[in-house]
Amino acid sequence: MGEFWPVADVLAHLAGRWRVDRTVRDLTSGAEGRFEGATLFRPMDGGGLLHEESGTFTWQGVPRPAERTLRFLPGPRPGTADVRFSDGRPFHDLDLTSGHHVADHPCSADLYRGEFTVQDTDHWRTAWRVRGPAKDLLLTTDYAREH
């Protein structure tokens, strides 16, 4: 990938609707899955954005509806975000002022390491590597802004 695209204010940048295309690879078994859908980042009362994702996840040929909700709250520094699960538990920080960010999220015995890259005003990507005693996964998500 070439240069990163700096984002002065991550919340302002993410607001709106995005097409989502995610691949999930089990690096141990070689199994692959895919999620296709959309994410809406909409304003929350009190500040921040509610991230509502919905679509279809296909794993080993079986499609199922899938959805998740996250909260993107204003971060500790201007232009950054504090990402939380829907129940308020901490997930990770997000600072795209350089167009690139790496975040860790420990979950029980597993470690989630996310790499966030912004390609331009309408495209960004996340790549989560999940490692643990029973997991070795790579989840890559491409977002394209809907106009």
C-alpha atoms as a PDB file:
ATOM      1  CA  MET A   1       0.000   0.000   0.000  1.00  0.00           C
ATOM      2  CA  GLY A   2       1.191   3.523  -0.697  1.00  0.00           C
ATOM      3  CA  GLU A   3       0.891   6.618   1.415  1.00  0.00           C
ATOM      4  CA  PHE A   4      -1.597   6.931   4.234  1.00  0.00           C
ATOM      5  CA  TRP A   5      -4.261   9.651   4.176  1.00  0.00           C
ATOM      6  CA  PRO A   6      -4.233  11.683   7.412  1.00  0.00           C
ATOM      7  CA  VAL A   7      -7.577  12.365   9.108  1.00  0.00           C
ATOM      8  CA  ALA A   8      -7.765  15.449  11.335  1.00  0.00           C
ATOM      9  CA  ASP A   9     -10.945  14.324  13.142  1.00  0.00           C
ATOM     10  CA  VAL A  10     -11.781  10.607  13.081  1.00  0.00           C
ATOM     11  CA  LEU A  11     -15.387  11.054  14.222  1.00  0.00           C
ATOM     12  CA  ALA A  12     -16.167  13.680  11.577  1.00  0.00           C
ATOM     13  CA  HIS A  13     -14.480  11.504   8.945  1.00  0.00           C
ATOM     14  CA  LEU A  14     -16.380   8.308   9.807  1.00  0.00           C
ATOM     15  CA  ALA A  15     -19.861   9.856  10.077  1.00  0.00           C
ATOM     16  CA  GLY A  16     -22.232   8.468   7.467  1.00  0.00           C
ATOM     17  CA  ARG A  17     -22.819   5.160   5.705  1.00  0.00           C
ATOM     18  CA  TRP A  18     -20.121   2.778   4.470  1.00  0.00           C
ATOM     19  CA  ARG A  19     -20.200  -0.406   2.382  1.00  0.00           C
ATOM     20  CA  VAL A  20     -18.371  -3.187   4.223  1.00  0.00           C
ATOM     21  CA  ASP A  21     -16.509  -6.159   2.758  1.00  0.00           C
ATOM     22  CA  ARG A  22     -14.706  -8.384   5.290  1.00  0.00           C
ATOM     23  CA  THR A  23     -12.727 -11.560   4.809  1.00  0.00           C
ATOM     24  CA  VAL A  24     -12.094 -13.889   7.740  1.00  0.00           C
ATOM     25  CA  ARG A  25      -9.276 -16.420   7.425  1.00  0.00           C
ATOM     26  CA  ASP A  26      -8.495 -19.147   9.929  1.00  0.00           C
ATOM     27  CA  LEU A  27      -4.723 -19.370   9.473  1.00  0.00           C
ATOM     28  CA  THR A  28      -4.594 -22.783  11.177  1.00  0.00           C
ATOM     29  CA  SER A  29      -7.260 -24.631   9.178  1.00  0.00           C
ATOM     30  CA  GLY A  30      -7.269 -22.484   6.031  1.00  0.00           C
ATOM     31  CA  ALA A  31     -11.059 -21.983   6.313  1.00  0.00           C
ATOM     32  CA  GLU A  32     -12.357 -18.685   4.968  1.00  0.00           C
ATOM     33  CA  GLY A  33     -15.470 -16.637   5.490  1.00  0.00           C
ATOM     34  CA  ARG A  34     -16.859 -13.363   4.226  1.00  0.00           C
ATOM     35  CA  PHE A  35     -19.063 -10.615   5.589  1.00  0.00           C
ATOM     36  CA  GLU A  36     -20.829  -8.237   3.215  1.00  0.00           C
ATOM     37  CA  GLY A  37     -23.020  -5.423   4.430  1.00  0.00           C
ATOM     38  CA  ALA A  38     -23.028  -1.826   5.598  1.00  0.00           C
ATOM     39  CA  THR A  39     -22.024   0.251   8.581  1.00  0.00           C
ATOM     40  CA  LEU A  40     -23.820   3.406   9.635  1.00  0.00           C
ATOM     41  CA  PHE A  41     -21.963   5.827  11.902  1.00  0.00           C
ATOM     42  CA  ARG A  42     -24.662   8.083  13.338  1.00  0.00           C
ATOM     43  CA  PRO A  43     -24.489  10.770  16.034  1.00  0.00           C
ATOM     44  CA  MET A  44     -25.219   9.731  19.628  1.00  0.00           C
ATOM     45  CA  ASP A  45     -26.791  11.915  22.282  1.00  0.00           C
ATOM     46  CA  GLY A  46     -23.967  13.403  24.330  1.00  0.00           C
ATOM     47  CA  GLY A  47     -21.363  13.156  21.554  1.00  0.00           C
ATOM     48  CA  GLY A  48     -19.649  10.448  19.572  1.00  0.00           C
ATOM     49  CA  LEU A  49     -20.973   8.054  16.973  1.00  0.00           C
ATOM     50  CA  LEU A  50     -22.995   4.871  17.151  1.00  0.00           C
ATOM     51  CA  HIS A  51     -21.498   2.274  14.764  1.00  0.00           C
ATOM     52  CA  GLU A  52     -24.249  -0.052  13.522  1.00  0.00           C
ATOM     53  CA  GLU A  53     -23.093  -2.839  11.210  1.00  0.00           C
ATOM     54  CA  SER A  54     -25.396  -5.342   9.518  1.00  0.00           C
ATOM     55  CA  GLY A  55     -25.139  -7.766   6.646  1.00  0.00           C
ATOM     56  CA  THR A  56     -24.526 -11.398   5.784  1.00  0.00           C
ATOM     57  CA  PHE A  57     -21.663 -13.512   7.094  1.00  0.00           C
ATOM     58  CA  THR A  58     -20.895 -16.625   5.065  1.00  0.00           C
ATOM     59  CA  TRP A  59     -18.725 -19.252   6.760  1.00  0.00           C
ATOM     60  CA  GLN A  60     -17.887 -22.508   5.000  1.00  0.00           C
ATOM     61  CA  GLY A  61     -20.674 -21.907   2.498  1.00  0.00           C
ATOM     62  CA  VAL A  62     -23.400 -21.161   5.068  1.00  0.00           C
ATOM     63  CA  PRO A  63     -24.786 -17.574   4.979  1.00  0.00           C
ATOM     64  CA  ARG A  64     -26.211 -16.052   8.180  1.00  0.00           C
ATOM     65  CA  PRO A  65     -27.412 -12.574   9.111  1.00  0.00           C
ATOM     66  CA  ALA A  66     -24.863 -10.753  11.256  1.00  0.00           C
ATOM     67  CA  GLU A  67     -24.779  -7.442  13.067  1.00  0.00           C
ATOM     68  CA  ARG A  68     -22.815  -5.599  15.717  1.00  0.00           C
ATOM     69  CA  THR A  69     -22.926  -2.242  17.429  1.00  0.00           C
ATOM     70  CA  LEU A  70     -19.983  -0.225  18.748  1.00  0.00           C
ATOM     71  CA  ARG A  71     -19.683   3.222  20.319  1.00  0.00           C
ATOM     72  CA  PHE A  72     -17.059   5.641  18.991  1.00  0.00           C
ATOM     73  CA  LEU A  73     -16.630   8.277  21.705  1.00  0.00           C
ATOM     74  CA  PRO A  74     -14.429  11.387  21.620  1.00  0.00           C
ATOM     75  CA  GLY A  75     -10.879  10.343  22.520  1.00  0.00           C
ATOM     76  CA  PRO A  76      -8.391  11.846  24.956  1.00  0.00           C
ATOM     77  CA  ARG A  77      -6.797  14.037  22.251  1.00  0.00           C
ATOM     78  CA  PRO A  78      -8.601  16.174  19.653  1.00  0.00           C
ATOM     79  CA  GLY A  79      -9.523  14.200  16.543  1.00  0.00           C
ATOM     80  CA  THR A  80      -9.177  10.761  18.218  1.00  0.00           C
ATOM     81  CA  ALA A  81     -11.761   8.200  19.357  1.00  0.00           C
ATOM     82  CA  ASP A  82     -12.286   5.846  22.257  1.00  0.00           C
ATOM     83  CA  VAL A  83     -14.001   2.772  20.786  1.00  0.00           C
ATOM     84  CA  ARG A  84     -16.305   0.817  23.111  1.00  0.00           C
ATOM     85  CA  PHE A  85     -18.477  -2.250  22.808  1.00  0.00           C
ATOM     86  CA  SER A  86     -22.233  -1.637  22.817  1.00  0.00           C
ATOM     87  CA  ASP A  87     -22.357  -2.332  26.578  1.00  0.00           C
ATOM     88  CA  GLY A  88     -19.702   0.318  27.258  1.00  0.00           C
ATOM     89  CA  ARG A  89     -16.698  -1.990  27.827  1.00  0.00           C
ATOM     90  CA  PRO A  90     -13.444  -0.623  26.353  1.00  0.00           C
ATOM     91  CA  PHE A  91     -12.397  -2.007  22.964  1.00  0.00           C
ATOM     92  CA  HIS A  92      -9.553   0.135  21.611  1.00  0.00           C
ATOM     93  CA  ASP A  93      -8.322   3.649  20.956  1.00  0.00           C
ATOM     94  CA  LEU A  94      -8.284   5.129  17.447  1.00  0.00           C
ATOM     95  CA  ASP A  95      -6.031   7.917  16.201  1.00  0.00           C
ATOM     96  CA  LEU A  96      -5.997   8.371  12.422  1.00  0.00           C
ATOM     97  CA  THR A  97      -4.252  11.774  12.396  1.00  0.00           C
ATOM     98  CA  SER A  98      -1.380  10.096  10.493  1.00  0.00           C
ATOM     99  CA  GLY A  99      -3.767   7.934   8.437  1.00  0.00           C
ATOM    100  CA  HIS A 100      -2.446   4.814  10.215  1.00  0.00           C
ATOM    101  CA  HIS A 101      -3.002   3.343  13.685  1.00  0.00           C
ATOM    102  CA  VAL A 102      -2.298   0.093  15.530  1.00  0.00           C
ATOM    103  CA  ALA A 103      -4.373  -0.924  18.566  1.00  0.00           C
ATOM    104  CA  ASP A 104      -4.345  -3.951  20.864  1.00  0.00           C
ATOM    105  CA  HIS A 105      -7.306  -5.536  22.636  1.00  0.00           C
ATOM    106  CA  PRO A 106      -6.652  -8.404  25.063  1.00  0.00           C
ATOM    107  CA  CYS A 107      -9.652 -10.753  25.327  1.00  0.00           C
ATOM    108  CA  SER A 108      -9.306 -13.624  27.817  1.00  0.00           C
ATOM    109  CA  ALA A 109      -6.317 -15.614  26.562  1.00  0.00           C
ATOM    110  CA  ASP A 110      -6.435 -14.050  23.091  1.00  0.00           C
ATOM    111  CA  LEU A 111      -4.807 -10.887  21.759  1.00  0.00           C
ATOM    112  CA  TYR A 112      -6.507  -8.863  19.059  1.00  0.00           C
ATOM    113  CA  ARG A 113      -4.140  -6.506  17.199  1.00  0.00           C
ATOM    114  CA  GLY A 114      -5.828  -4.111  14.802  1.00  0.00           C
ATOM    115  CA  GLU A 115      -4.170  -2.089  12.078  1.00  0.00           C
ATOM    116  CA  PHE A 116      -6.185   0.801  10.672  1.00  0.00           C
ATOM    117  CA  THR A 117      -5.248   2.518   7.406  1.00  0.00           C
ATOM    118  CA  VAL A 118      -6.965   5.326   5.522  1.00  0.00           C
ATOM    119  CA  GLN A 119      -6.428   5.267   1.746  1.00  0.00           C
ATOM    120  CA  ASP A 120      -8.404   8.420   0.868  1.00  0.00           C
ATOM    121  CA  THR A 121     -11.515  10.332   1.882  1.00  0.00           C
ATOM    122  CA  ASP A 122     -13.809   7.459   0.823  1.00  0.00           C
ATOM    123  CA  HIS A 123     -11.807   4.289   1.639  1.00  0.00           C
ATOM    124  CA  TRP A 124     -10.272   2.804   4.781  1.00  0.00           C
ATOM    125  CA  ARG A 125      -9.286  -0.637   5.994  1.00  0.00           C
ATOM    126  CA  THR A 126      -8.944  -2.560   9.227  1.00  0.00           C
ATOM    127  CA  ALA A 127      -6.883  -5.718   9.610  1.00  0.00           C
ATOM    128  CA  TRP A 128      -7.304  -7.602  12.897  1.00  0.00           C
ATOM    129  CA  ARG A 129      -4.933 -10.445  13.744  1.00  0.00           C
ATOM    130  CA  VAL A 130      -6.336 -12.635  16.510  1.00  0.00           C
ATOM    131  CA  ARG A 131      -3.929 -14.960  18.294  1.00  0.00           C
ATOM    132  CA  GLY A 132      -4.498 -17.209  21.256  1.00  0.00           C
ATOM    133  CA  PRO A 133      -4.458 -20.804  22.433  1.00  0.00           C
ATOM    134  CA  ALA A 134      -7.360 -21.775  20.158  1.00  0.00           C
ATOM    135  CA  LYS A 135      -7.321 -18.938  17.580  1.00  0.00           C
ATOM    136  CA  ASP A 136      -5.157 -17.774  14.718  1.00  0.00           C
ATOM    137  CA  LEU A 137      -7.347 -15.527  12.606  1.00  0.00           C
ATOM    138  CA  LEU A 138      -6.964 -12.638  10.178  1.00  0.00           C
ATOM    139  CA  LEU A 139      -9.986 -10.383   9.657  1.00  0.00           C
ATOM    140  CA  THR A 140      -9.571  -7.778   6.905  1.00  0.00           C
ATOM    141  CA  THR A 141     -12.330  -5.231   6.362  1.00  0.00           C
ATOM    142  CA  ASP A 142     -12.555  -2.731   3.523  1.00  0.00           C
ATOM    143  CA  TYR A 143     -14.872   0.252   3.930  1.00  0.00           C
ATOM    144  CA  ALA A 144     -16.107   2.381   1.011  1.00  0.00           C
ATOM    145  CA  ARG A 145     -18.180   5.498   1.682  1.00  0.00           C
ATOM    146  CA  GLU A 146     -21.689   5.498   0.215  1.00  0.00           C
ATOM    147  CA  HIS A 147     -22.645   8.824  -1.361  1.00  0.00           C
END
